[in-house]
Amino acid sequence: MHGKTTTKEGSEWRVRLWFNEHVIADSTAGAELADRLAAYYWHRFAKLRVTVEATVPPKQ
């Protein structure tokens, strides 16, 4: 991935694949899997935008 997700283990990351302003794939995974998924998207869909964001746990 272009810069690994650096955070505590067990946290979740949201990986999205975009076609213009439309999300065409949306996945949530742990840091390691999110890195691999984002790298796959960047390689397979080079012309599309890929975003990786930390998910925010709900406030209790």
N, C-alpha and C. Protein backbone atom coordinates (compact mmCIF):
# COMPACT_ATOMS: atom_id res chain seq x y z
N MET A 1 0.84 -1.18 0.00
CA MET A 1 0.00 0.00 0.00
C MET A 1 0.88 1.23 0.00
N HIS A 2 0.37 2.33 -0.41
CA HIS A 2 1.11 3.60 -0.42
C HIS A 2 1.04 4.20 0.98
N GLY A 3 1.84 3.70 1.89
CA GLY A 3 1.79 4.17 3.27
C GLY A 3 0.88 3.25 4.08
N LYS A 4 1.46 2.48 4.94
CA LYS A 4 0.67 1.50 5.69
C LYS A 4 -0.20 2.19 6.74
N THR A 5 -1.29 1.51 7.06
CA THR A 5 -2.16 2.00 8.12
C THR A 5 -1.45 1.76 9.43
N THR A 6 -1.18 2.80 10.18
CA THR A 6 -0.48 2.65 11.44
C THR A 6 -1.44 3.00 12.56
N THR A 7 -1.81 2.01 13.33
CA THR A 7 -2.74 2.20 14.44
C THR A 7 -2.69 0.99 15.34
N LYS A 8 -3.44 1.00 16.40
CA LYS A 8 -3.49 -0.14 17.31
C LYS A 8 -4.06 -1.35 16.61
N GLU A 9 -3.58 -2.52 17.01
CA GLU A 9 -4.15 -3.75 16.48
C GLU A 9 -5.60 -3.84 16.89
N GLY A 10 -6.40 -4.45 16.04
CA GLY A 10 -7.80 -4.63 16.36
C GLY A 10 -8.69 -3.52 15.86
N SER A 11 -8.11 -2.40 15.42
CA SER A 11 -8.94 -1.32 14.90
C SER A 11 -9.37 -1.65 13.48
N GLU A 12 -10.41 -1.00 13.05
CA GLU A 12 -10.99 -1.27 11.73
C GLU A 12 -10.72 -0.11 10.78
N TRP A 13 -10.57 -0.46 9.51
CA TRP A 13 -10.32 0.52 8.45
C TRP A 13 -11.34 0.31 7.35
N ARG A 14 -11.80 1.39 6.74
CA ARG A 14 -12.74 1.34 5.63
C ARG A 14 -11.98 1.61 4.35
N VAL A 15 -12.09 0.69 3.40
CA VAL A 15 -11.43 0.81 2.09
C VAL A 15 -12.52 0.99 1.05
N ARG A 16 -12.42 2.05 0.27
CA ARG A 16 -13.43 2.34 -0.76
C ARG A 16 -12.77 2.49 -2.12
N LEU A 17 -13.48 2.02 -3.14
CA LEU A 17 -13.07 2.17 -4.53
C LEU A 17 -14.10 3.06 -5.19
N TRP A 18 -13.63 4.12 -5.84
CA TRP A 18 -14.51 5.16 -6.39
C TRP A 18 -14.43 5.20 -7.91
N PHE A 19 -15.59 5.41 -8.52
CA PHE A 19 -15.69 5.75 -9.94
C PHE A 19 -16.36 7.11 -10.00
N ASN A 20 -15.56 8.13 -10.26
CA ASN A 20 -15.99 9.53 -10.14
C ASN A 20 -16.50 9.76 -8.72
N GLU A 21 -17.76 10.16 -8.53
CA GLU A 21 -18.27 10.41 -7.18
C GLU A 21 -19.03 9.21 -6.62
N HIS A 22 -19.01 8.09 -7.32
CA HIS A 22 -19.76 6.91 -6.91
C HIS A 22 -18.84 5.85 -6.30
N VAL A 23 -19.23 5.37 -5.12
CA VAL A 23 -18.50 4.28 -4.48
C VAL A 23 -18.94 2.98 -5.14
N ILE A 24 -17.99 2.22 -5.68
CA ILE A 24 -18.35 0.96 -6.33
C ILE A 24 -17.91 -0.25 -5.51
N ALA A 25 -17.10 -0.04 -4.48
CA ALA A 25 -16.74 -1.09 -3.54
C ALA A 25 -16.47 -0.43 -2.19
N ASP A 26 -16.97 -1.04 -1.14
CA ASP A 26 -16.83 -0.49 0.20
C ASP A 26 -16.64 -1.65 1.16
N SER A 27 -15.47 -1.73 1.80
CA SER A 27 -15.16 -2.83 2.70
C SER A 27 -14.58 -2.29 4.00
N THR A 28 -14.83 -3.02 5.08
CA THR A 28 -14.25 -2.70 6.38
C THR A 28 -13.44 -3.91 6.82
N ALA A 29 -12.21 -3.67 7.26
CA ALA A 29 -11.33 -4.77 7.64
C ALA A 29 -10.31 -4.29 8.66
N GLY A 30 -9.60 -5.24 9.24
CA GLY A 30 -8.49 -4.91 10.13
C GLY A 30 -7.37 -4.27 9.33
N ALA A 31 -6.40 -3.73 10.02
CA ALA A 31 -5.33 -2.96 9.38
C ALA A 31 -4.58 -3.74 8.31
N GLU A 32 -4.18 -4.98 8.61
CA GLU A 32 -3.38 -5.75 7.65
C GLU A 32 -4.19 -6.09 6.39
N LEU A 33 -5.41 -6.55 6.57
CA LEU A 33 -6.25 -6.88 5.42
C LEU A 33 -6.61 -5.64 4.62
N ALA A 34 -6.85 -4.53 5.30
CA ALA A 34 -7.15 -3.27 4.61
C ALA A 34 -5.98 -2.84 3.74
N ASP A 35 -4.76 -3.00 4.25
CA ASP A 35 -3.56 -2.68 3.46
C ASP A 35 -3.51 -3.53 2.18
N ARG A 36 -3.74 -4.82 2.34
CA ARG A 36 -3.69 -5.72 1.18
C ARG A 36 -4.80 -5.42 0.19
N LEU A 37 -6.00 -5.14 0.69
CA LEU A 37 -7.12 -4.84 -0.19
C LEU A 37 -6.88 -3.54 -0.96
N ALA A 38 -6.40 -2.52 -0.27
CA ALA A 38 -6.11 -1.25 -0.93
C ALA A 38 -5.02 -1.42 -1.99
N ALA A 39 -3.99 -2.19 -1.68
CA ALA A 39 -2.92 -2.43 -2.65
C ALA A 39 -3.48 -3.16 -3.88
N TYR A 40 -4.35 -4.12 -3.65
CA TYR A 40 -4.98 -4.84 -4.77
C TYR A 40 -5.79 -3.88 -5.63
N TYR A 41 -6.61 -3.05 -4.99
CA TYR A 41 -7.43 -2.09 -5.74
C TYR A 41 -6.55 -1.15 -6.55
N TRP A 42 -5.48 -0.62 -5.93
CA TRP A 42 -4.60 0.31 -6.64
C TRP A 42 -3.93 -0.37 -7.84
N HIS A 43 -3.60 -1.62 -7.68
CA HIS A 43 -2.96 -2.36 -8.78
C HIS A 43 -3.98 -2.71 -9.87
N ARG A 44 -5.11 -3.24 -9.48
CA ARG A 44 -6.11 -3.74 -10.43
C ARG A 44 -6.87 -2.61 -11.12
N PHE A 45 -7.16 -1.54 -10.38
CA PHE A 45 -7.96 -0.43 -10.90
C PHE A 45 -7.15 0.86 -10.81
N ALA A 46 -6.05 0.92 -11.55
CA ALA A 46 -5.08 2.01 -11.44
C ALA A 46 -5.67 3.39 -11.71
N LYS A 47 -6.70 3.48 -12.52
CA LYS A 47 -7.24 4.79 -12.88
C LYS A 47 -8.34 5.26 -11.94
N LEU A 48 -8.77 4.39 -11.02
CA LEU A 48 -9.83 4.76 -10.08
C LEU A 48 -9.22 5.20 -8.75
N ARG A 49 -9.98 5.99 -8.01
CA ARG A 49 -9.52 6.48 -6.70
C ARG A 49 -9.81 5.44 -5.63
N VAL A 50 -8.84 5.23 -4.75
CA VAL A 50 -8.97 4.33 -3.62
C VAL A 50 -8.75 5.15 -2.35
N THR A 51 -9.66 5.02 -1.38
CA THR A 51 -9.47 5.72 -0.12
C THR A 51 -9.44 4.70 1.01
N VAL A 52 -8.63 5.01 2.03
CA VAL A 52 -8.54 4.18 3.23
C VAL A 52 -8.70 5.12 4.42
N GLU A 53 -9.72 4.86 5.24
CA GLU A 53 -10.00 5.72 6.39
C GLU A 53 -10.22 4.86 7.63
N ALA A 54 -9.77 5.35 8.76
CA ALA A 54 -10.04 4.65 10.02
C ALA A 54 -11.52 4.79 10.34
N THR A 55 -12.12 3.70 10.78
CA THR A 55 -13.52 3.78 11.21
C THR A 55 -13.54 4.31 12.63
N VAL A 56 -14.55 5.05 12.94
CA VAL A 56 -14.67 5.64 14.27
C VAL A 56 -15.69 4.81 15.04
N PRO A 57 -15.29 4.25 16.18
CA PRO A 57 -16.26 3.47 16.96
C PRO A 57 -17.39 4.37 17.47
N PRO A 58 -18.59 3.84 17.58
CA PRO A 58 -19.71 4.66 18.06
C PRO A 58 -19.49 5.10 19.50
N LYS A 59 -19.89 6.31 19.82
CA LYS A 59 -19.75 6.82 21.20
C LYS A 59 -20.85 6.20 22.04
N GLN A 60 -20.48 5.84 23.27
CA GLN A 60 -21.47 5.21 24.17
C GLN A 60 -21.80 6.12 25.30
